[in-house]
Amino acid sequence: MISMSDAFFSVDAVRGANLRPVSFTLRPGEILMVQGESGVGKSQLLRALADLDAHEGKVVLNGVEQQQMPPSQWRRRVVYLPAESAWWDDYVDQHFTENLPETWWAALRLKPELFRAEVARLSSGERQRLAVARALVLKPKVLLLDEPTANLDAVTAKAVGELLSEQIKAQGSAGVWVTHDASEAARFADKQLYLDAEGGHIT
């Protein structure tokens, strides 16, 4: 078992209003799949790790505690992808500094022409997949994913999941990925965390 002090990303007894204590460690390239019933705090856990919600406990990245780093710097390193992504400009390419690799368009099952499309004309599934790409191009140290494949058809969900897993490992990031799909959890997990009313249980 890797110790908290030696971990790339460590979470020690993090808890909040609707979240019982959660602890885990991750190495670069590892993915923790998080499951649990509605209301046990899965999204709250991600928001706490992103320093978006008040919480107790300790979160450490590469030896630096969350509270020792300005929130804006922390969130550039620990990127949160919510279930409903935000789009603040009119066109897709205004949200990126460069185009996506050609292989990503294929993996996301999207047409490259969408890069210059109006956000308002995108389907919800297209916005969802482009939000995944937007998070990945930031090359975060930790990627926090709140059901990134929910509401996608099975084939597309598998393709998006494979791209996420591939890039997390290739970039040497760590991933914390909430899902309600047990088969998805089994497919991509290096570790699994189950949340319930008592807290988090690593398997």
N, C-alpha and C. Protein backbone atom coordinates (compact mmCIF):
# COMPACT_ATOMS: atom_id res chain seq x y z
N MET A 1 0.85 -1.20 0.00
CA MET A 1 0.00 0.00 0.00
C MET A 1 0.88 1.24 0.00
N ILE A 2 0.66 2.15 -0.94
CA ILE A 2 1.41 3.40 -1.01
C ILE A 2 0.97 4.31 0.13
N SER A 3 1.94 4.98 0.77
CA SER A 3 1.60 5.84 1.90
C SER A 3 1.07 7.18 1.42
N MET A 4 0.34 7.87 2.31
CA MET A 4 -0.20 9.18 1.97
C MET A 4 0.94 10.15 1.62
N SER A 5 2.03 10.08 2.37
CA SER A 5 3.12 11.04 2.17
C SER A 5 3.86 10.82 0.86
N ASP A 6 3.85 9.59 0.34
CA ASP A 6 4.57 9.28 -0.89
C ASP A 6 3.69 9.34 -2.13
N ALA A 7 2.40 9.55 -1.97
CA ALA A 7 1.47 9.46 -3.09
C ALA A 7 1.58 10.68 -4.00
N PHE A 8 1.30 10.47 -5.28
CA PHE A 8 1.19 11.57 -6.25
C PHE A 8 -0.02 12.43 -5.92
N PHE A 9 -1.15 11.77 -5.63
CA PHE A 9 -2.39 12.47 -5.24
C PHE A 9 -2.98 11.71 -4.07
N SER A 10 -3.13 12.39 -2.95
CA SER A 10 -3.67 11.71 -1.77
C SER A 10 -4.83 12.49 -1.18
N VAL A 11 -5.81 11.74 -0.71
CA VAL A 11 -7.03 12.29 -0.12
C VAL A 11 -7.19 11.61 1.24
N ASP A 12 -7.19 12.42 2.30
CA ASP A 12 -7.20 11.88 3.65
C ASP A 12 -8.39 12.42 4.43
N ALA A 13 -9.36 11.54 4.67
CA ALA A 13 -10.54 11.85 5.49
C ALA A 13 -11.28 13.10 5.02
N VAL A 14 -11.43 13.25 3.71
CA VAL A 14 -12.19 14.37 3.16
C VAL A 14 -13.67 14.12 3.39
N ARG A 15 -14.37 15.11 3.92
CA ARG A 15 -15.79 14.96 4.22
C ARG A 15 -16.46 16.32 4.10
N GLY A 16 -17.78 16.27 3.87
CA GLY A 16 -18.55 17.50 3.73
C GLY A 16 -19.95 17.31 4.26
N ALA A 17 -20.84 18.23 3.93
CA ALA A 17 -22.19 18.22 4.48
C ALA A 17 -22.92 16.91 4.21
N ASN A 18 -22.82 16.38 3.00
CA ASN A 18 -23.49 15.13 2.64
C ASN A 18 -22.50 14.04 2.26
N LEU A 19 -21.28 14.19 2.73
CA LEU A 19 -20.21 13.26 2.36
C LEU A 19 -19.50 12.76 3.60
N ARG A 20 -19.55 11.45 3.80
CA ARG A 20 -18.83 10.83 4.91
C ARG A 20 -17.35 10.74 4.55
N PRO A 21 -16.44 10.51 5.53
CA PRO A 21 -15.00 10.57 5.26
C PRO A 21 -14.56 9.62 4.14
N VAL A 22 -13.71 10.16 3.27
CA VAL A 22 -13.17 9.42 2.13
C VAL A 22 -11.65 9.58 2.12
N SER A 23 -10.94 8.47 1.95
CA SER A 23 -9.48 8.50 1.84
C SER A 23 -9.03 7.57 0.72
N PHE A 24 -8.03 8.01 -0.04
CA PHE A 24 -7.42 7.16 -1.06
C PHE A 24 -6.13 7.81 -1.55
N THR A 25 -5.33 7.04 -2.26
CA THR A 25 -4.12 7.55 -2.90
C THR A 25 -4.09 7.08 -4.34
N LEU A 26 -3.47 7.89 -5.19
CA LEU A 26 -3.33 7.52 -6.60
C LEU A 26 -1.92 7.83 -7.08
N ARG A 27 -1.42 6.97 -7.95
CA ARG A 27 -0.16 7.20 -8.65
C ARG A 27 -0.46 7.81 -10.02
N PRO A 28 0.56 8.38 -10.69
CA PRO A 28 0.35 8.86 -12.06
C PRO A 28 -0.16 7.75 -12.96
N GLY A 29 -1.17 8.07 -13.75
CA GLY A 29 -1.74 7.10 -14.68
C GLY A 29 -2.84 6.23 -14.11
N GLU A 30 -3.10 6.34 -12.81
CA GLU A 30 -4.14 5.51 -12.20
C GLU A 30 -5.51 6.19 -12.27
N ILE A 31 -6.53 5.35 -12.42
CA ILE A 31 -7.92 5.82 -12.45
C ILE A 31 -8.68 5.19 -11.30
N LEU A 32 -9.34 6.03 -10.51
CA LEU A 32 -10.23 5.59 -9.44
C LEU A 32 -11.66 5.77 -9.93
N MET A 33 -12.38 4.67 -10.06
CA MET A 33 -13.79 4.74 -10.44
C MET A 33 -14.64 4.81 -9.17
N VAL A 34 -15.56 5.77 -9.12
CA VAL A 34 -16.38 6.03 -7.94
C VAL A 34 -17.82 5.68 -8.25
N GLN A 35 -18.41 4.84 -7.38
CA GLN A 35 -19.81 4.46 -7.52
C GLN A 35 -20.53 4.66 -6.19
N GLY A 36 -21.85 4.59 -6.22
CA GLY A 36 -22.65 4.73 -5.02
C GLY A 36 -24.04 5.23 -5.37
N GLU A 37 -24.96 5.05 -4.45
CA GLU A 37 -26.33 5.48 -4.69
C GLU A 37 -26.42 7.00 -4.75
N SER A 38 -27.51 7.49 -5.31
CA SER A 38 -27.73 8.94 -5.39
C SER A 38 -27.79 9.53 -3.98
N GLY A 39 -27.20 10.71 -3.83
CA GLY A 39 -27.27 11.42 -2.56
C GLY A 39 -26.18 11.11 -1.56
N VAL A 40 -25.22 10.24 -1.92
CA VAL A 40 -24.16 9.90 -0.97
C VAL A 40 -22.95 10.82 -1.08
N GLY A 41 -22.97 11.75 -2.05
CA GLY A 41 -21.90 12.75 -2.10
C GLY A 41 -20.85 12.54 -3.17
N LYS A 42 -21.17 11.81 -4.23
CA LYS A 42 -20.16 11.56 -5.28
C LYS A 42 -19.73 12.87 -5.95
N SER A 43 -20.71 13.67 -6.35
CA SER A 43 -20.37 14.96 -6.97
C SER A 43 -19.74 15.91 -5.96
N GLN A 44 -20.19 15.84 -4.73
CA GLN A 44 -19.61 16.69 -3.69
C GLN A 44 -18.15 16.34 -3.47
N LEU A 45 -17.81 15.06 -3.54
CA LEU A 45 -16.42 14.65 -3.42
C LEU A 45 -15.57 15.30 -4.51
N LEU A 46 -16.03 15.24 -5.76
CA LEU A 46 -15.27 15.84 -6.85
C LEU A 46 -15.12 17.34 -6.64
N ARG A 47 -16.17 18.00 -6.22
CA ARG A 47 -16.11 19.45 -6.01
C ARG A 47 -15.17 19.81 -4.86
N ALA A 48 -15.12 18.97 -3.84
CA ALA A 48 -14.17 19.19 -2.74
C ALA A 48 -12.74 19.03 -3.24
N LEU A 49 -12.50 18.00 -4.04
CA LEU A 49 -11.15 17.77 -4.56
C LEU A 49 -10.71 18.90 -5.47
N ALA A 50 -11.67 19.54 -6.16
CA ALA A 50 -11.37 20.67 -7.04
C ALA A 50 -11.29 21.99 -6.28
N ASP A 51 -11.50 21.96 -4.98
CA ASP A 51 -11.50 23.16 -4.14
C ASP A 51 -12.62 24.11 -4.54
N LEU A 52 -13.77 23.54 -4.86
CA LEU A 52 -14.95 24.33 -5.21
C LEU A 52 -15.97 24.37 -4.07
N ASP A 53 -15.95 23.36 -3.19
CA ASP A 53 -16.87 23.31 -2.05
C ASP A 53 -16.06 23.21 -0.76
N ALA A 54 -16.59 23.82 0.29
CA ALA A 54 -15.96 23.73 1.61
C ALA A 54 -15.97 22.28 2.08
N HIS A 55 -14.90 21.88 2.74
CA HIS A 55 -14.79 20.50 3.21
C HIS A 55 -13.74 20.41 4.30
N GLU A 56 -13.76 19.31 5.01
CA GLU A 56 -12.72 18.99 5.98
C GLU A 56 -11.83 17.91 5.39
N GLY A 57 -10.69 17.67 6.04
CA GLY A 57 -9.76 16.66 5.55
C GLY A 57 -8.65 17.28 4.72
N LYS A 58 -7.75 16.43 4.25
CA LYS A 58 -6.54 16.89 3.56
C LYS A 58 -6.48 16.33 2.14
N VAL A 59 -6.15 17.21 1.18
CA VAL A 59 -5.94 16.81 -0.21
C VAL A 59 -4.55 17.30 -0.60
N VAL A 60 -3.72 16.39 -1.12
CA VAL A 60 -2.32 16.72 -1.42
C VAL A 60 -1.99 16.26 -2.84
N LEU A 61 -1.37 17.16 -3.61
CA LEU A 61 -0.91 16.85 -4.96
C LEU A 61 0.59 17.09 -5.03
N ASN A 62 1.33 16.04 -5.33
CA ASN A 62 2.79 16.15 -5.46
C ASN A 62 3.43 16.82 -4.25
N GLY A 63 2.95 16.47 -3.07
CA GLY A 63 3.53 16.99 -1.84
C GLY A 63 3.03 18.36 -1.42
N VAL A 64 2.14 18.97 -2.20
CA VAL A 64 1.62 20.30 -1.87
C VAL A 64 0.16 20.17 -1.45
N GLU A 65 -0.16 20.68 -0.25
CA GLU A 65 -1.54 20.62 0.22
C GLU A 65 -2.41 21.62 -0.53
N GLN A 66 -3.66 21.24 -0.72
CA GLN A 66 -4.62 22.08 -1.42
C GLN A 66 -4.67 23.49 -0.83
N GLN A 67 -4.68 23.60 0.48
CA GLN A 67 -4.83 24.90 1.13
C GLN A 67 -3.58 25.77 0.99
N GLN A 68 -2.46 25.18 0.56
CA GLN A 68 -1.22 25.94 0.39
C GLN A 68 -1.11 26.57 -1.00
N MET A 69 -2.04 26.28 -1.89
CA MET A 69 -1.98 26.76 -3.26
C MET A 69 -3.20 27.64 -3.54
N PRO A 70 -3.02 28.79 -4.21
CA PRO A 70 -4.17 29.61 -4.58
C PRO A 70 -5.18 28.78 -5.38
N PRO A 71 -6.47 28.95 -5.12
CA PRO A 71 -7.49 28.13 -5.80
C PRO A 71 -7.36 28.11 -7.31
N SER A 72 -7.05 29.25 -7.92
CA SER A 72 -6.94 29.28 -9.39
C SER A 72 -5.81 28.40 -9.89
N GLN A 73 -4.69 28.37 -9.17
CA GLN A 73 -3.58 27.51 -9.56
C GLN A 73 -3.94 26.04 -9.35
N TRP A 74 -4.59 25.75 -8.24
CA TRP A 74 -5.00 24.37 -7.96
C TRP A 74 -5.91 23.85 -9.07
N ARG A 75 -6.85 24.68 -9.50
CA ARG A 75 -7.84 24.23 -10.49
C ARG A 75 -7.27 24.11 -11.89
N ARG A 76 -6.10 24.70 -12.13
CA ARG A 76 -5.41 24.45 -13.40
C ARG A 76 -4.75 23.09 -13.39
N ARG A 77 -4.42 22.60 -12.21
CA ARG A 77 -3.77 21.30 -12.07
C ARG A 77 -4.78 20.18 -11.82
N VAL A 78 -5.83 20.53 -11.10
CA VAL A 78 -6.88 19.56 -10.75
C VAL A 78 -8.16 20.04 -11.45
N VAL A 79 -8.45 19.45 -12.60
CA VAL A 79 -9.52 19.94 -13.47
C VAL A 79 -10.79 19.12 -13.26
N TYR A 80 -11.89 19.84 -13.05
CA TYR A 80 -13.19 19.22 -12.78
C TYR A 80 -14.08 19.33 -14.01
N LEU A 81 -14.58 18.20 -14.47
CA LEU A 81 -15.53 18.16 -15.58
C LEU A 81 -16.90 17.78 -15.02
N PRO A 82 -17.80 18.76 -14.85
CA PRO A 82 -19.11 18.45 -14.26
C PRO A 82 -20.00 17.70 -15.24
N ALA A 83 -21.07 17.16 -14.71
CA ALA A 83 -22.01 16.43 -15.56
C ALA A 83 -22.63 17.34 -16.62
N GLU A 84 -22.85 18.59 -16.28
CA GLU A 84 -23.37 19.59 -17.23
C GLU A 84 -22.27 20.62 -17.46
N SER A 85 -21.65 20.57 -18.62
CA SER A 85 -20.52 21.46 -18.89
C SER A 85 -20.99 22.87 -19.23
N ALA A 86 -20.14 23.85 -18.94
CA ALA A 86 -20.44 25.25 -19.23
C ALA A 86 -19.74 25.67 -20.52
N TRP A 87 -20.43 26.50 -21.30
CA TRP A 87 -19.88 27.06 -22.54
C TRP A 87 -20.13 28.56 -22.50
N TRP A 88 -19.06 29.35 -22.50
CA TRP A 88 -19.19 30.78 -22.26
C TRP A 88 -19.00 31.64 -23.51
N ASP A 89 -18.53 31.05 -24.61
CA ASP A 89 -18.41 31.78 -25.87
C ASP A 89 -19.33 31.16 -26.92
N ASP A 90 -19.51 31.87 -28.03
CA ASP A 90 -20.49 31.45 -29.03
C ASP A 90 -20.05 30.27 -29.88
N TYR A 91 -18.72 30.16 -30.11
CA TYR A 91 -18.21 29.14 -31.02
C TYR A 91 -17.30 28.16 -30.28
N VAL A 92 -17.30 26.92 -30.76
CA VAL A 92 -16.52 25.86 -30.12
C VAL A 92 -15.05 26.23 -30.04
N ASP A 93 -14.45 26.69 -31.16
CA ASP A 93 -13.00 26.93 -31.18
C ASP A 93 -12.57 28.05 -30.24
N GLN A 94 -13.50 28.88 -29.78
CA GLN A 94 -13.16 29.92 -28.82
C GLN A 94 -12.84 29.35 -27.43
N HIS A 95 -13.16 28.08 -27.23
CA HIS A 95 -12.90 27.43 -25.95
C HIS A 95 -11.61 26.61 -25.97
N PHE A 96 -10.87 26.65 -27.07
CA PHE A 96 -9.64 25.88 -27.22
C PHE A 96 -8.52 26.80 -27.71
N THR A 97 -7.29 26.46 -27.38
CA THR A 97 -6.14 27.22 -27.89
C THR A 97 -5.60 26.61 -29.18
N GLU A 98 -5.96 25.38 -29.49
CA GLU A 98 -5.54 24.72 -30.72
C GLU A 98 -6.54 23.63 -31.06
N ASN A 99 -6.50 23.19 -32.32
CA ASN A 99 -7.42 22.14 -32.76
C ASN A 99 -7.05 20.81 -32.08
N LEU A 100 -7.98 19.89 -32.12
CA LEU A 100 -7.76 18.58 -31.51
C LEU A 100 -6.99 17.68 -32.46
N PRO A 101 -6.21 16.73 -31.92
CA PRO A 101 -5.57 15.74 -32.77
C PRO A 101 -6.62 14.99 -33.60
N GLU A 102 -6.26 14.64 -34.81
CA GLU A 102 -7.21 13.95 -35.70
C GLU A 102 -7.74 12.67 -35.07
N THR A 103 -6.87 11.97 -34.35
CA THR A 103 -7.29 10.71 -33.73
C THR A 103 -8.36 10.93 -32.66
N TRP A 104 -8.35 12.12 -32.03
CA TRP A 104 -9.36 12.40 -31.01
C TRP A 104 -10.74 12.55 -31.63
N TRP A 105 -10.80 13.22 -32.79
CA TRP A 105 -12.09 13.37 -33.45
C TRP A 105 -12.70 12.01 -33.75
N ALA A 106 -11.87 11.10 -34.22
CA ALA A 106 -12.35 9.75 -34.52
C ALA A 106 -12.78 9.03 -33.24
N ALA A 107 -11.97 9.16 -32.19
CA ALA A 107 -12.28 8.49 -30.93
C ALA A 107 -13.57 9.02 -30.31
N LEU A 108 -13.80 10.32 -30.48
CA LEU A 108 -15.01 10.94 -29.93
C LEU A 108 -16.22 10.76 -30.83
N ARG A 109 -15.99 10.17 -32.02
CA ARG A 109 -17.06 9.95 -32.99
C ARG A 109 -17.73 11.28 -33.36
N LEU A 110 -16.86 12.27 -33.65
CA LEU A 110 -17.31 13.60 -34.03
C LEU A 110 -16.64 14.02 -35.34
N LYS A 111 -17.29 14.91 -36.07
CA LYS A 111 -16.72 15.45 -37.30
C LYS A 111 -15.83 16.65 -36.96
N PRO A 112 -14.62 16.73 -37.54
CA PRO A 112 -13.72 17.85 -37.25
C PRO A 112 -14.33 19.22 -37.54
N GLU A 113 -15.32 19.28 -38.45
CA GLU A 113 -15.94 20.56 -38.78
C GLU A 113 -16.62 21.20 -37.57
N LEU A 114 -16.93 20.38 -36.56
CA LEU A 114 -17.60 20.92 -35.37
C LEU A 114 -16.71 21.88 -34.60
N PHE A 115 -15.40 21.85 -34.88
CA PHE A 115 -14.49 22.74 -34.15
C PHE A 115 -14.85 24.21 -34.35
N ARG A 116 -15.43 24.53 -35.51
CA ARG A 116 -15.80 25.92 -35.80
C ARG A 116 -17.32 26.13 -35.78
N ALA A 117 -18.01 25.22 -35.15
CA ALA A 117 -19.47 25.31 -35.09
C ALA A 117 -19.92 26.25 -33.97
N GLU A 118 -21.15 26.71 -34.09
CA GLU A 118 -21.77 27.47 -33.01
C GLU A 118 -22.18 26.50 -31.90
N VAL A 119 -21.86 26.86 -30.68
CA VAL A 119 -22.21 26.01 -29.54
C VAL A 119 -23.71 25.78 -29.48
N ALA A 120 -24.50 26.79 -29.79
CA ALA A 120 -25.96 26.69 -29.71
C ALA A 120 -26.52 25.65 -30.66
N ARG A 121 -25.77 25.31 -31.71
CA ARG A 121 -26.25 24.34 -32.70
C ARG A 121 -25.82 22.90 -32.39
N LEU A 122 -25.02 22.73 -31.36
CA LEU A 122 -24.57 21.39 -31.00
C LEU A 122 -25.67 20.63 -30.26
N SER A 123 -25.69 19.32 -30.46
CA SER A 123 -26.57 18.48 -29.64
C SER A 123 -25.96 18.35 -28.25
N SER A 124 -26.74 17.87 -27.30
CA SER A 124 -26.22 17.70 -25.94
C SER A 124 -25.08 16.70 -25.92
N GLY A 125 -25.17 15.64 -26.74
CA GLY A 125 -24.10 14.65 -26.80
C GLY A 125 -22.82 15.21 -27.39
N GLU A 126 -22.95 16.08 -28.40
CA GLU A 126 -21.77 16.72 -28.98
C GLU A 126 -21.10 17.64 -27.97
N ARG A 127 -21.89 18.41 -27.25
CA ARG A 127 -21.32 19.29 -26.22
C ARG A 127 -20.62 18.47 -25.15
N GLN A 128 -21.23 17.36 -24.78
CA GLN A 128 -20.65 16.51 -23.75
C GLN A 128 -19.29 15.98 -24.17
N ARG A 129 -19.18 15.50 -25.40
CA ARG A 129 -17.92 14.94 -25.87
C ARG A 129 -16.86 16.02 -26.08
N LEU A 130 -17.27 17.18 -26.56
CA LEU A 130 -16.30 18.27 -26.73
C LEU A 130 -15.82 18.79 -25.38
N ALA A 131 -16.66 18.72 -24.36
CA ALA A 131 -16.23 19.11 -23.02
C ALA A 131 -15.17 18.15 -22.50
N VAL A 132 -15.29 16.87 -22.82
CA VAL A 132 -14.25 15.89 -22.46
C VAL A 132 -12.93 16.28 -23.12
N ALA A 133 -12.98 16.60 -24.42
CA ALA A 133 -11.77 17.01 -25.13
C ALA A 133 -11.18 18.28 -24.53
N ARG A 134 -12.04 19.22 -24.18
CA ARG A 134 -11.58 20.49 -23.60
C ARG A 134 -10.83 20.25 -22.30
N ALA A 135 -11.29 19.32 -21.49
CA ALA A 135 -10.60 18.99 -20.25
C ALA A 135 -9.27 18.30 -20.52
N LEU A 136 -9.25 17.39 -21.48
CA LEU A 136 -8.03 16.64 -21.77
C LEU A 136 -6.92 17.51 -22.31
N VAL A 137 -7.25 18.49 -23.17
CA VAL A 137 -6.19 19.31 -23.77
C VAL A 137 -5.50 20.20 -22.73
N LEU A 138 -6.10 20.38 -21.58
CA LEU A 138 -5.46 21.15 -20.51
C LEU A 138 -4.32 20.37 -19.86
N LYS A 139 -4.25 19.06 -20.12
CA LYS A 139 -3.22 18.19 -19.55
C LYS A 139 -3.12 18.37 -18.02
N PRO A 140 -4.22 18.18 -17.32
CA PRO A 140 -4.20 18.36 -15.87
C PRO A 140 -3.40 17.27 -15.18
N LYS A 141 -2.97 17.57 -13.98
CA LYS A 141 -2.32 16.55 -13.15
C LYS A 141 -3.36 15.55 -12.64
N VAL A 142 -4.56 16.06 -12.34
CA VAL A 142 -5.67 15.21 -11.88
C VAL A 142 -6.91 15.63 -12.65
N LEU A 143 -7.65 14.64 -13.16
CA LEU A 143 -8.88 14.90 -13.90
C LEU A 143 -10.05 14.32 -13.12
N LEU A 144 -10.99 15.18 -12.77
CA LEU A 144 -12.17 14.80 -11.99
C LEU A 144 -13.37 14.75 -12.93
N LEU A 145 -13.95 13.59 -13.08
CA LEU A 145 -14.97 13.35 -14.11
C LEU A 145 -16.30 12.94 -13.47
N ASP A 146 -17.33 13.74 -13.70
CA ASP A 146 -18.65 13.44 -13.14
C ASP A 146 -19.53 12.85 -14.25
N GLU A 147 -19.57 11.53 -14.32
CA GLU A 147 -20.36 10.79 -15.30
C GLU A 147 -20.14 11.30 -16.73
N PRO A 148 -18.90 11.24 -17.22
CA PRO A 148 -18.59 11.83 -18.53
C PRO A 148 -19.21 11.11 -19.71
N THR A 149 -19.67 9.88 -19.52
CA THR A 149 -20.28 9.14 -20.64
C THR A 149 -21.77 8.93 -20.46
N ALA A 150 -22.36 9.50 -19.41
CA ALA A 150 -23.80 9.34 -19.20
C ALA A 150 -24.57 9.93 -20.37
N ASN A 151 -25.66 9.28 -20.73
CA ASN A 151 -26.56 9.73 -21.80
C ASN A 151 -25.99 9.54 -23.21
N LEU A 152 -24.83 8.91 -23.33
CA LEU A 152 -24.31 8.55 -24.65
C LEU A 152 -24.72 7.12 -24.96
N ASP A 153 -24.86 6.80 -26.24
CA ASP A 153 -25.16 5.41 -26.59
C ASP A 153 -23.97 4.53 -26.23
N ALA A 154 -24.20 3.23 -26.15
CA ALA A 154 -23.20 2.31 -25.63
C ALA A 154 -21.89 2.34 -26.41
N VAL A 155 -21.98 2.39 -27.74
CA VAL A 155 -20.77 2.40 -28.57
C VAL A 155 -19.97 3.68 -28.35
N THR A 156 -20.66 4.81 -28.33
CA THR A 156 -19.98 6.09 -28.14
C THR A 156 -19.42 6.20 -26.73
N ALA A 157 -20.17 5.75 -25.74
CA ALA A 157 -19.70 5.78 -24.35
C ALA A 157 -18.41 4.99 -24.20
N LYS A 158 -18.35 3.82 -24.82
CA LYS A 158 -17.14 3.00 -24.74
C LYS A 158 -15.97 3.71 -25.41
N ALA A 159 -16.21 4.34 -26.57
CA ALA A 159 -15.15 5.04 -27.28
C ALA A 159 -14.62 6.22 -26.48
N VAL A 160 -15.52 6.99 -25.89
CA VAL A 160 -15.12 8.14 -25.07
C VAL A 160 -14.35 7.66 -23.84
N GLY A 161 -14.84 6.60 -23.21
CA GLY A 161 -14.14 6.05 -22.06
C GLY A 161 -12.74 5.59 -22.40
N GLU A 162 -12.59 4.97 -23.55
CA GLU A 162 -11.26 4.51 -23.97
C GLU A 162 -10.32 5.67 -24.22
N LEU A 163 -10.82 6.77 -24.81
CA LEU A 163 -9.98 7.94 -25.01
C LEU A 163 -9.56 8.54 -23.67
N LEU A 164 -10.49 8.66 -22.74
CA LEU A 164 -10.15 9.19 -21.42
C LEU A 164 -9.09 8.34 -20.74
N SER A 165 -9.30 7.04 -20.72
CA SER A 165 -8.34 6.14 -20.07
C SER A 165 -6.97 6.23 -20.73
N GLU A 166 -6.96 6.22 -22.06
CA GLU A 166 -5.70 6.29 -22.81
C GLU A 166 -4.94 7.57 -22.51
N GLN A 167 -5.63 8.70 -22.50
CA GLN A 167 -4.97 9.98 -22.30
C GLN A 167 -4.55 10.20 -20.85
N ILE A 168 -5.33 9.75 -19.90
CA ILE A 168 -4.93 9.85 -18.49
C ILE A 168 -3.62 9.11 -18.28
N LYS A 169 -3.50 7.93 -18.86
CA LYS A 169 -2.28 7.15 -18.69
C LYS A 169 -1.13 7.74 -19.50
N ALA A 170 -1.40 8.20 -20.72
CA ALA A 170 -0.34 8.77 -21.56
C ALA A 170 0.21 10.06 -20.97
N GLN A 171 -0.66 10.86 -20.36
CA GLN A 171 -0.24 12.14 -19.80
C GLN A 171 0.34 12.00 -18.39
N GLY A 172 0.25 10.80 -17.80
CA GLY A 172 0.73 10.62 -16.44
C GLY A 172 -0.10 11.36 -15.42
N SER A 173 -1.38 11.53 -15.74
CA SER A 173 -2.31 12.18 -14.81
C SER A 173 -2.87 11.13 -13.86
N ALA A 174 -3.76 11.57 -12.98
CA ALA A 174 -4.58 10.66 -12.19
C ALA A 174 -6.03 11.01 -12.47
N GLY A 175 -6.90 10.02 -12.47
CA GLY A 175 -8.30 10.25 -12.76
C GLY A 175 -9.20 9.80 -11.62
N VAL A 176 -10.19 10.63 -11.29
CA VAL A 176 -11.24 10.26 -10.34
C VAL A 176 -12.55 10.40 -11.11
N TRP A 177 -13.22 9.28 -11.34
CA TRP A 177 -14.26 9.17 -12.38
C TRP A 177 -15.52 8.59 -11.76
N VAL A 178 -16.56 9.40 -11.65
CA VAL A 178 -17.85 8.95 -11.12
C VAL A 178 -18.66 8.29 -12.23
N THR A 179 -19.23 7.13 -11.92
CA THR A 179 -20.07 6.43 -12.89
C THR A 179 -21.15 5.65 -12.17
N HIS A 180 -22.28 5.43 -12.86
CA HIS A 180 -23.32 4.53 -12.37
C HIS A 180 -23.29 3.21 -13.13
N ASP A 181 -22.34 3.07 -14.03
CA ASP A 181 -22.25 1.89 -14.90
C ASP A 181 -21.18 0.94 -14.35
N ALA A 182 -21.62 -0.17 -13.77
CA ALA A 182 -20.68 -1.12 -13.16
C ALA A 182 -19.72 -1.70 -14.18
N SER A 183 -20.19 -1.94 -15.40
CA SER A 183 -19.30 -2.50 -16.42
C SER A 183 -18.24 -1.48 -16.83
N GLU A 184 -18.61 -0.21 -16.90
CA GLU A 184 -17.63 0.85 -17.20
C GLU A 184 -16.60 0.92 -16.08
N ALA A 185 -17.05 0.85 -14.85
CA ALA A 185 -16.13 0.88 -13.71
C ALA A 185 -15.13 -0.26 -13.79
N ALA A 186 -15.62 -1.45 -14.07
CA ALA A 186 -14.73 -2.62 -14.16
C ALA A 186 -13.75 -2.49 -15.32
N ARG A 187 -14.19 -1.90 -16.42
CA ARG A 187 -13.36 -1.80 -17.62
C ARG A 187 -12.18 -0.85 -17.42
N PHE A 188 -12.40 0.27 -16.74
CA PHE A 188 -11.37 1.32 -16.72
C PHE A 188 -10.69 1.52 -15.37
N ALA A 189 -11.15 0.84 -14.34
CA ALA A 189 -10.63 1.11 -13.00
C ALA A 189 -9.27 0.48 -12.75
N ASP A 190 -8.38 1.25 -12.14
CA ASP A 190 -7.22 0.69 -11.45
C ASP A 190 -7.59 0.43 -10.00
N LYS A 191 -8.46 1.30 -9.47
CA LYS A 191 -9.02 1.14 -8.14
C LYS A 191 -10.49 1.52 -8.22
N GLN A 192 -11.29 1.01 -7.28
CA GLN A 192 -12.70 1.38 -7.22
C GLN A 192 -13.05 1.86 -5.81
N LEU A 193 -13.88 2.89 -5.77
CA LEU A 193 -14.35 3.45 -4.50
C LEU A 193 -15.86 3.39 -4.49
N TYR A 194 -16.41 2.78 -3.46
CA TYR A 194 -17.87 2.74 -3.32
C TYR A 194 -18.25 3.64 -2.15
N LEU A 195 -19.13 4.61 -2.41
CA LEU A 195 -19.59 5.53 -1.37
C LEU A 195 -20.96 5.10 -0.86
N ASP A 196 -21.12 5.15 0.46
CA ASP A 196 -22.42 4.91 1.07
C ASP A 196 -22.55 5.81 2.29
N ALA A 197 -23.55 5.57 3.11
CA ALA A 197 -23.82 6.44 4.25
C ALA A 197 -22.71 6.40 5.30
N GLU A 198 -21.85 5.38 5.24
CA GLU A 198 -20.76 5.25 6.20
C GLU A 198 -19.47 5.89 5.71
N GLY A 199 -19.37 6.15 4.42
CA GLY A 199 -18.14 6.73 3.88
C GLY A 199 -17.70 6.01 2.62
N GLY A 200 -16.39 6.04 2.35
CA GLY A 200 -15.86 5.44 1.14
C GLY A 200 -15.14 4.14 1.41
N HIS A 201 -15.34 3.17 0.53
CA HIS A 201 -14.72 1.85 0.67
C HIS A 201 -13.97 1.53 -0.61
N ILE A 202 -12.65 1.38 -0.50
CA ILE A 202 -11.80 1.07 -1.65
C ILE A 202 -11.83 -0.42 -1.92
N THR A 203 -11.97 -0.78 -3.21
CA THR A 203 -11.89 -2.20 -3.60
C THR A 203 -10.87 -2.35 -4.72
